[in-house]
């Protein structure tokens, strides 16, 4: 097996004899360049200048190649100096520093500069009317002092109102006092018991009897607190004979008299029905009904029309009786 496996895994030789269709042999020579190309190791697709000698981290200002001293000491041309000039800033920085609040993103603030003539101008009557703050509603001020109401943030009247002196000094009626009482629980109602019960002093000072102390002792096992799943059965238990009651209880439950199990969906057909011949009527009924699909019916204009013979036919007495509507009272 090892010899066959090694023989199958060997590469083909450079020269190999093949059989042609005419029955002769033909020597096929493989290309030496192709064999050398396949034998060469796979080359890495990473760029050598940015990966292997000195790995470069992208996203910073590090140059790929070091700048030579000659380039650092060279004098630029007039065109390079013109292109290196920054874009002209037309923003008035003096006005920005004095009159504007610049945000963190550098955009102008919504606070704008007000000129001196605008500061010294006299407002018109309409401007003064619009500059007035919103006044309270007349409902709060008409014949009602402000202290009587608690006005909410939306301007509506609060449900807190002033109670008159007469209402404060009046005596309660019997019916009012009865209605003011809270609803009482049922006489047989018992509140839920807490998880922590209180132990009486007599129970704490009581002395246990000898029997209680005996029952309180933990059961001792020869094998320890845990027993192995397999244990040795004694000889007496092996030779013991079960009683009639034990044998009666060990019998499985029987089914009722006359019970038949469920018939399976697949059953065996007897030979006489298999050899029998069906009648012409049975064969006629066994032929499936072939109906046209909706793709063909939708192009037939008479597909859902009633024939003339059906329109001229007279129903029987039974059909007329069944066609009568049901009279419900």
Protein backbone atom coordinates (compact mmCIF):
# COMPACT_ATOMS: atom_id res chain seq x y z
CA UNK A 1 0.00 0.00 0.00
CA UNK A 2 2.79 2.46 0.86
CA UNK A 3 4.54 1.67 -2.42
CA UNK A 4 1.38 2.30 -4.44
CA UNK A 5 0.69 5.54 -2.57
CA UNK A 6 4.22 6.86 -3.16
CA UNK A 7 3.97 5.81 -6.82
CA UNK A 8 0.74 7.77 -7.23
CA UNK A 9 2.18 10.87 -5.58
CA UNK A 10 5.27 11.03 -7.82
CA UNK A 11 5.49 13.80 -10.37
CA UNK A 12 5.52 12.77 -14.05
CA UNK A 13 8.87 12.55 -15.73
CA UNK A 14 9.97 15.06 -18.30
CA UNK A 15 9.67 12.43 -21.02
CA UNK A 16 6.71 10.11 -21.01
CA UNK A 17 5.52 7.60 -23.58
CA UNK A 18 1.86 7.74 -24.53
CA UNK A 19 -0.20 5.43 -26.75
CA UNK A 20 -1.95 6.97 -29.71
CA UNK A 21 -5.14 5.78 -31.38
CA UNK A 22 -3.33 3.91 -34.14
CA UNK A 23 -1.67 1.55 -31.68
CA UNK A 24 1.82 3.07 -31.76
CA UNK A 25 3.74 4.84 -29.03
CA UNK A 26 4.67 8.49 -28.97
CA UNK A 27 7.16 10.23 -26.67
CA UNK A 28 5.78 13.44 -25.16
CA UNK A 29 8.30 15.98 -23.85
CA UNK A 30 7.27 18.53 -21.18
CA UNK A 31 8.55 22.10 -21.22
CA UNK A 32 11.56 22.66 -18.94
CA UNK A 33 10.55 26.33 -18.40
CA UNK A 34 7.11 25.28 -17.24
CA UNK A 35 8.58 22.80 -14.76
CA UNK A 36 10.94 25.46 -13.38
CA UNK A 37 8.07 27.96 -13.05
CA UNK A 38 5.94 25.46 -11.13
CA UNK A 39 8.86 24.53 -8.88
CA UNK A 40 9.59 28.14 -7.94
CA UNK A 41 8.17 29.27 -4.54
CA UNK A 42 5.25 31.63 -4.49
CA UNK A 43 6.24 35.28 -4.34
CA UNK A 44 4.69 37.72 -1.91
CA UNK A 45 2.41 40.39 -3.41
CA UNK A 46 3.42 42.98 -0.81
CA UNK A 47 5.50 45.95 -1.90
CA UNK A 48 9.09 45.50 -0.86
CA UNK A 49 9.85 49.19 -0.33
CA UNK A 50 7.00 49.78 2.13
CA UNK A 51 6.80 46.43 3.94
CA UNK A 52 10.01 44.51 4.38
CA UNK A 53 13.07 46.76 5.09
CA UNK A 54 11.32 49.47 7.13
CA UNK A 55 7.56 48.94 7.60
CA UNK A 56 5.68 52.21 7.10
CA UNK A 57 2.57 53.12 9.06
CA UNK A 58 0.05 54.76 6.79
CA UNK A 59 -1.87 57.83 7.94
CA UNK A 60 1.00 59.98 9.25
CA UNK A 61 3.47 62.35 7.62
CA UNK A 62 6.37 59.89 7.51
CA UNK A 63 8.10 59.88 4.14
CA UNK A 64 8.53 56.59 2.29
CA UNK A 65 12.13 57.38 1.31
CA UNK A 66 14.43 59.60 3.38
CA UNK A 67 14.96 63.10 1.99
CA UNK A 68 18.50 63.73 0.85
CA UNK A 69 20.59 66.64 2.13
CA UNK A 70 20.83 68.07 -1.39
CA UNK A 71 17.04 68.30 -1.64
CA UNK A 72 16.86 69.99 1.74
CA UNK A 73 19.47 72.63 0.72
CA UNK A 74 18.13 73.23 -2.80
CA UNK A 75 16.53 76.59 -3.70
CA UNK A 76 13.00 76.38 -5.12
CA UNK A 77 12.01 78.08 -8.37
CA UNK A 78 9.65 81.03 -8.63
CA UNK A 79 6.84 78.73 -9.75
CA UNK A 80 7.22 76.45 -6.75
CA UNK A 81 7.18 79.43 -4.39
CA UNK A 82 3.99 80.66 -6.06
CA UNK A 83 2.30 77.28 -5.73
CA UNK A 84 3.39 76.87 -2.10
CA UNK A 85 1.64 80.05 -0.99
CA UNK A 86 -1.44 79.31 1.19
CA UNK A 87 -4.89 80.35 0.06
CA UNK A 88 -5.79 83.95 0.92
CA UNK A 89 -8.07 84.37 3.91
CA UNK A 90 -10.69 87.08 3.31
CA UNK A 91 -12.16 86.84 6.83
CA UNK A 92 -11.90 89.90 9.04
CA UNK A 93 -10.15 88.43 12.06
CA UNK A 94 -10.25 91.68 14.02
CA UNK A 95 -14.03 91.82 13.77
CA UNK A 96 -14.23 88.12 14.54
CA UNK A 97 -12.15 88.44 17.68
CA UNK A 98 -14.09 91.44 19.00
CA UNK A 99 -17.71 90.93 18.02
CA UNK A 100 -18.16 87.21 17.24
CA UNK A 101 -18.09 84.00 19.27
CA UNK A 102 -16.44 81.37 17.12
CA UNK A 103 -17.49 77.77 17.75
CA UNK A 104 -15.18 74.79 18.06
CA UNK A 105 -15.64 73.94 14.37
CA UNK A 106 -14.55 77.44 13.21
CA UNK A 107 -17.94 78.57 11.96
CA UNK A 108 -19.40 81.97 12.82
CA UNK A 109 -21.66 82.20 15.84
CA UNK A 110 -25.32 83.14 15.64
CA UNK A 111 -24.51 86.31 17.66
CA UNK A 112 -23.96 89.07 15.11
CA UNK A 113 -22.56 92.53 15.32
CA UNK A 114 -25.02 95.39 15.98
CA UNK A 115 -24.11 98.70 14.43
CA UNK A 116 -24.11 101.99 16.37
CA UNK A 117 -27.04 103.54 14.41
CA UNK A 118 -29.15 100.50 15.23
CA UNK A 119 -28.35 100.89 18.91
CA UNK A 120 -29.37 104.60 18.91
CA UNK A 121 -32.52 104.12 16.79
CA UNK A 122 -36.04 104.67 18.20
CA UNK A 123 -38.41 101.64 17.96
CA UNK A 124 -41.78 102.02 16.34
CA UNK A 125 -45.09 101.36 18.07
CA UNK A 126 -45.48 97.97 16.37
CA UNK A 127 -42.00 96.89 17.42
CA UNK A 128 -42.68 97.82 21.04
CA UNK A 129 -45.98 95.89 20.95
CA UNK A 130 -44.24 92.79 19.64
CA UNK A 131 -41.49 93.14 22.23
CA UNK A 132 -43.96 92.92 25.13
CA UNK A 133 -44.01 89.59 26.98
CA UNK A 134 -47.10 87.44 27.10
CA UNK A 135 -49.58 88.48 29.80
CA UNK A 136 -51.75 86.25 31.94
CA UNK A 137 -55.23 85.21 30.88
CA UNK A 138 -58.19 87.35 31.92
CA UNK A 139 -59.74 84.29 33.59
CA UNK A 140 -57.09 84.47 36.31
CA UNK A 141 -57.35 88.20 36.89
CA UNK A 142 -61.09 88.89 36.69
CA UNK A 143 -62.39 89.41 40.26
CA UNK A 144 -59.92 86.81 41.57
CA UNK A 145 -56.74 87.58 43.42
CA UNK A 146 -53.56 85.95 42.22
CA UNK A 147 -52.93 84.22 45.56
CA UNK A 148 -56.04 82.05 45.24
CA UNK A 149 -54.70 79.99 42.36
CA UNK A 150 -51.65 77.95 41.56
CA UNK A 151 -51.03 78.51 37.86
CA UNK A 152 -49.19 75.70 36.10
CA UNK A 153 -46.50 76.07 33.44
CA UNK A 154 -49.08 75.92 30.60
CA UNK A 155 -51.19 78.76 32.05
CA UNK A 156 -54.17 76.65 33.13
CA UNK A 157 -55.78 76.92 36.54
CA UNK A 158 -54.54 74.43 39.13
CA UNK A 159 -57.08 72.16 40.90
CA UNK A 160 -55.93 73.61 44.26
CA UNK A 161 -58.59 76.11 45.42
CA UNK A 162 -59.31 78.17 48.49
CA UNK A 163 -61.59 76.69 51.15
CA UNK A 164 -64.03 79.09 52.78
CA UNK A 165 -64.11 79.75 56.52
CA UNK A 166 -67.64 78.43 56.81
CA UNK A 167 -66.65 75.09 55.27
CA UNK A 168 -63.74 74.85 57.68
CA UNK A 169 -65.96 75.44 60.81
CA UNK A 170 -68.94 73.28 59.84
CA UNK A 171 -69.65 69.96 61.56
CA UNK A 172 -69.55 66.64 59.71
CA UNK A 173 -72.76 64.77 59.04
CA UNK A 174 -73.17 61.15 60.06
CA UNK A 175 -73.34 60.07 56.43
CA UNK A 176 -70.21 62.06 55.55
CA UNK A 177 -68.26 60.53 58.43
CA UNK A 178 -69.38 57.06 57.35
CA UNK A 179 -68.25 57.64 53.76
CA UNK A 180 -64.91 59.03 54.93
CA UNK A 181 -63.97 55.80 56.68
CA UNK A 182 -61.52 53.58 54.77
CA UNK A 183 -62.69 50.23 53.49
CA UNK A 184 -62.24 47.55 56.15
CA UNK A 185 -61.01 44.02 55.51
CA UNK A 186 -63.16 40.93 55.97
CA UNK A 187 -63.57 39.68 59.50
CA UNK A 188 -62.03 36.31 58.59
CA UNK A 189 -59.12 37.86 56.68
CA UNK A 190 -55.67 36.85 57.87
CA UNK A 191 -52.61 38.78 56.83
CA UNK A 192 -49.85 36.83 55.06
CA UNK A 193 -47.36 35.27 57.41
CA UNK A 194 -43.78 36.50 57.22
CA UNK A 195 -40.90 34.23 56.31
CA UNK A 196 -39.27 34.75 59.70
CA UNK A 197 -41.27 33.19 62.50
CA UNK A 198 -40.70 34.12 66.15
CA UNK A 199 -39.61 31.26 68.41
CA UNK A 200 -41.06 31.39 71.88
CA UNK A 201 -38.89 31.47 75.00
CA UNK A 202 -40.39 28.19 76.24
CA UNK A 203 -39.29 26.42 73.07
CA UNK A 204 -35.79 27.86 73.43
CA UNK A 205 -35.48 26.66 77.06
CA UNK A 206 -37.10 23.22 76.58
CA UNK A 207 -35.06 20.00 77.01
CA UNK A 208 -35.21 17.37 74.27
CA UNK A 209 -36.17 13.82 75.16
CA UNK A 210 -33.91 10.85 74.55
CA UNK A 211 -36.02 9.80 71.54
CA UNK A 212 -35.76 13.22 69.89
CA UNK A 213 -31.98 13.24 70.36
CA UNK A 214 -31.79 9.76 68.85
CA UNK A 215 -33.80 10.83 65.79
CA UNK A 216 -31.68 13.96 65.43
CA UNK A 217 -28.54 11.93 64.95
CA UNK A 218 -27.32 11.71 61.33
CA UNK A 219 -27.46 8.29 59.75
CA UNK A 220 -24.01 6.71 59.54
CA UNK A 221 -22.91 4.63 56.53
CA UNK A 222 -19.96 2.29 56.35
CA UNK A 223 -19.13 3.53 52.87
CA UNK A 224 -19.26 7.21 53.80
CA UNK A 225 -21.80 9.92 52.91
CA UNK A 226 -21.97 8.77 49.29
CA UNK A 227 -22.64 5.24 48.09
CA UNK A 228 -21.32 3.73 44.88
CA UNK A 229 -23.88 3.08 42.11
CA UNK A 230 -22.97 -0.64 42.25
CA UNK A 231 -23.22 -2.60 45.48
CA UNK A 232 -23.09 -6.24 46.51
CA UNK A 233 -26.44 -8.02 46.87
CA UNK A 234 -26.58 -10.34 49.83
CA UNK A 235 -27.17 -14.05 49.42
CA UNK A 236 -30.40 -13.99 51.40
CA UNK A 237 -31.85 -11.41 49.00
CA UNK A 238 -30.87 -13.61 46.07
CA UNK A 239 -32.51 -16.75 47.54
CA UNK A 240 -35.65 -14.90 48.71
CA UNK A 241 -39.00 -15.86 47.15
CA UNK A 242 -41.52 -13.16 46.27
CA UNK A 243 -44.99 -13.37 47.79
CA UNK A 244 -48.16 -13.74 45.73
CA UNK A 245 -49.00 -10.07 46.28
CA UNK A 246 -45.61 -8.92 45.00
CA UNK A 247 -45.94 -11.16 41.92
CA UNK A 248 -49.44 -9.80 41.31
CA UNK A 249 -48.18 -6.19 41.47
CA UNK A 250 -45.26 -6.98 39.16
CA UNK A 251 -47.50 -8.13 36.34
CA UNK A 252 -47.89 -5.55 33.53
CA UNK A 253 -51.22 -3.86 32.95
CA UNK A 254 -53.36 -5.74 30.43
CA UNK A 255 -55.57 -4.26 27.76
CA UNK A 256 -59.35 -4.46 27.88
CA UNK A 257 -61.18 -7.42 26.43
CA UNK A 258 -61.91 -6.99 22.74
CA UNK A 259 -59.21 -4.32 22.25
CA UNK A 260 -57.73 -4.10 18.77
CA UNK A 261 -54.54 -2.21 18.03
CA UNK A 262 -54.55 0.67 15.57
CA UNK A 263 -54.34 -0.37 11.95
CA UNK A 264 -51.29 0.91 10.13
CA UNK A 265 -51.54 3.11 7.03
CA UNK A 266 -49.88 0.35 4.97
CA UNK A 267 -51.40 -3.12 4.95
CA UNK A 268 -50.99 -6.22 2.89
CA UNK A 269 -53.51 -6.85 0.13
CA UNK A 270 -54.73 -10.42 -0.26
CA UNK A 271 -54.19 -12.37 -3.45
CA UNK A 272 -57.86 -12.65 -4.62
CA UNK A 273 -58.33 -8.86 -4.86
CA UNK A 274 -55.02 -8.55 -6.66
CA UNK A 275 -56.03 -11.16 -9.27
CA UNK A 276 -59.57 -9.79 -9.71
CA UNK A 277 -60.76 -7.83 -12.75
CA UNK A 278 -62.44 -4.45 -12.30
CA UNK A 279 -65.66 -3.63 -14.12
CA UNK A 280 -65.98 -1.00 -16.86
CA UNK A 281 -67.76 1.34 -14.45
CA UNK A 282 -64.89 1.15 -11.95
CA UNK A 283 -62.38 1.82 -14.70
CA UNK A 284 -64.46 4.76 -15.89
CA UNK A 285 -64.60 6.24 -12.40
CA UNK A 286 -60.87 5.70 -11.86
CA UNK A 287 -59.99 7.98 -14.77
CA UNK A 288 -59.00 11.39 -13.30
CA UNK A 289 -60.85 14.50 -14.38
CA UNK A 290 -58.75 16.62 -16.68
CA UNK A 291 -59.52 20.32 -16.38
CA UNK A 292 -58.01 23.09 -18.38
CA UNK A 293 -55.72 25.54 -16.63
CA UNK A 294 -56.60 29.19 -16.13
CA UNK A 295 -54.07 30.13 -18.79
CA UNK A 296 -56.35 28.51 -21.40
CA UNK A 297 -59.70 29.26 -19.75
CA UNK A 298 -59.15 33.02 -19.56
CA UNK A 299 -59.02 33.23 -23.37
CA UNK A 300 -62.31 31.31 -23.74
CA UNK A 301 -65.25 33.78 -23.64
CA UNK A 302 -67.82 30.97 -23.12
CA UNK A 303 -65.99 29.33 -20.21
CA UNK A 304 -68.37 30.59 -17.53
CA UNK A 305 -71.63 30.80 -19.51
CA UNK A 306 -74.66 28.58 -18.98
CA UNK A 307 -75.67 26.45 -21.96
CA UNK A 308 -79.07 26.86 -23.64
CA UNK A 309 -80.18 23.35 -22.69
CA UNK A 310 -79.51 24.14 -19.02
CA UNK A 311 -81.53 27.35 -19.29
CA UNK A 312 -84.52 25.49 -20.90
CA UNK A 313 -84.43 22.55 -18.48
CA UNK A 314 -87.22 22.14 -15.91
CA UNK A 315 -86.15 21.23 -12.37
CA UNK A 316 -87.79 18.40 -10.53
CA UNK A 317 -90.17 18.85 -7.62
CA UNK A 318 -87.47 17.93 -5.15
CA UNK A 319 -85.07 20.58 -6.51
CA UNK A 320 -87.82 23.22 -6.35
CA UNK A 321 -88.50 22.19 -2.76
CA UNK A 322 -84.82 22.52 -1.82
CA UNK A 323 -84.57 25.84 -3.62
CA UNK A 324 -87.15 27.45 -1.36
CA UNK A 325 -85.60 29.81 1.24
CA UNK A 326 -85.82 28.92 4.91
CA UNK A 327 -88.43 30.96 6.76
CA UNK A 328 -87.12 32.06 10.12
CA UNK A 329 -89.20 33.82 12.73
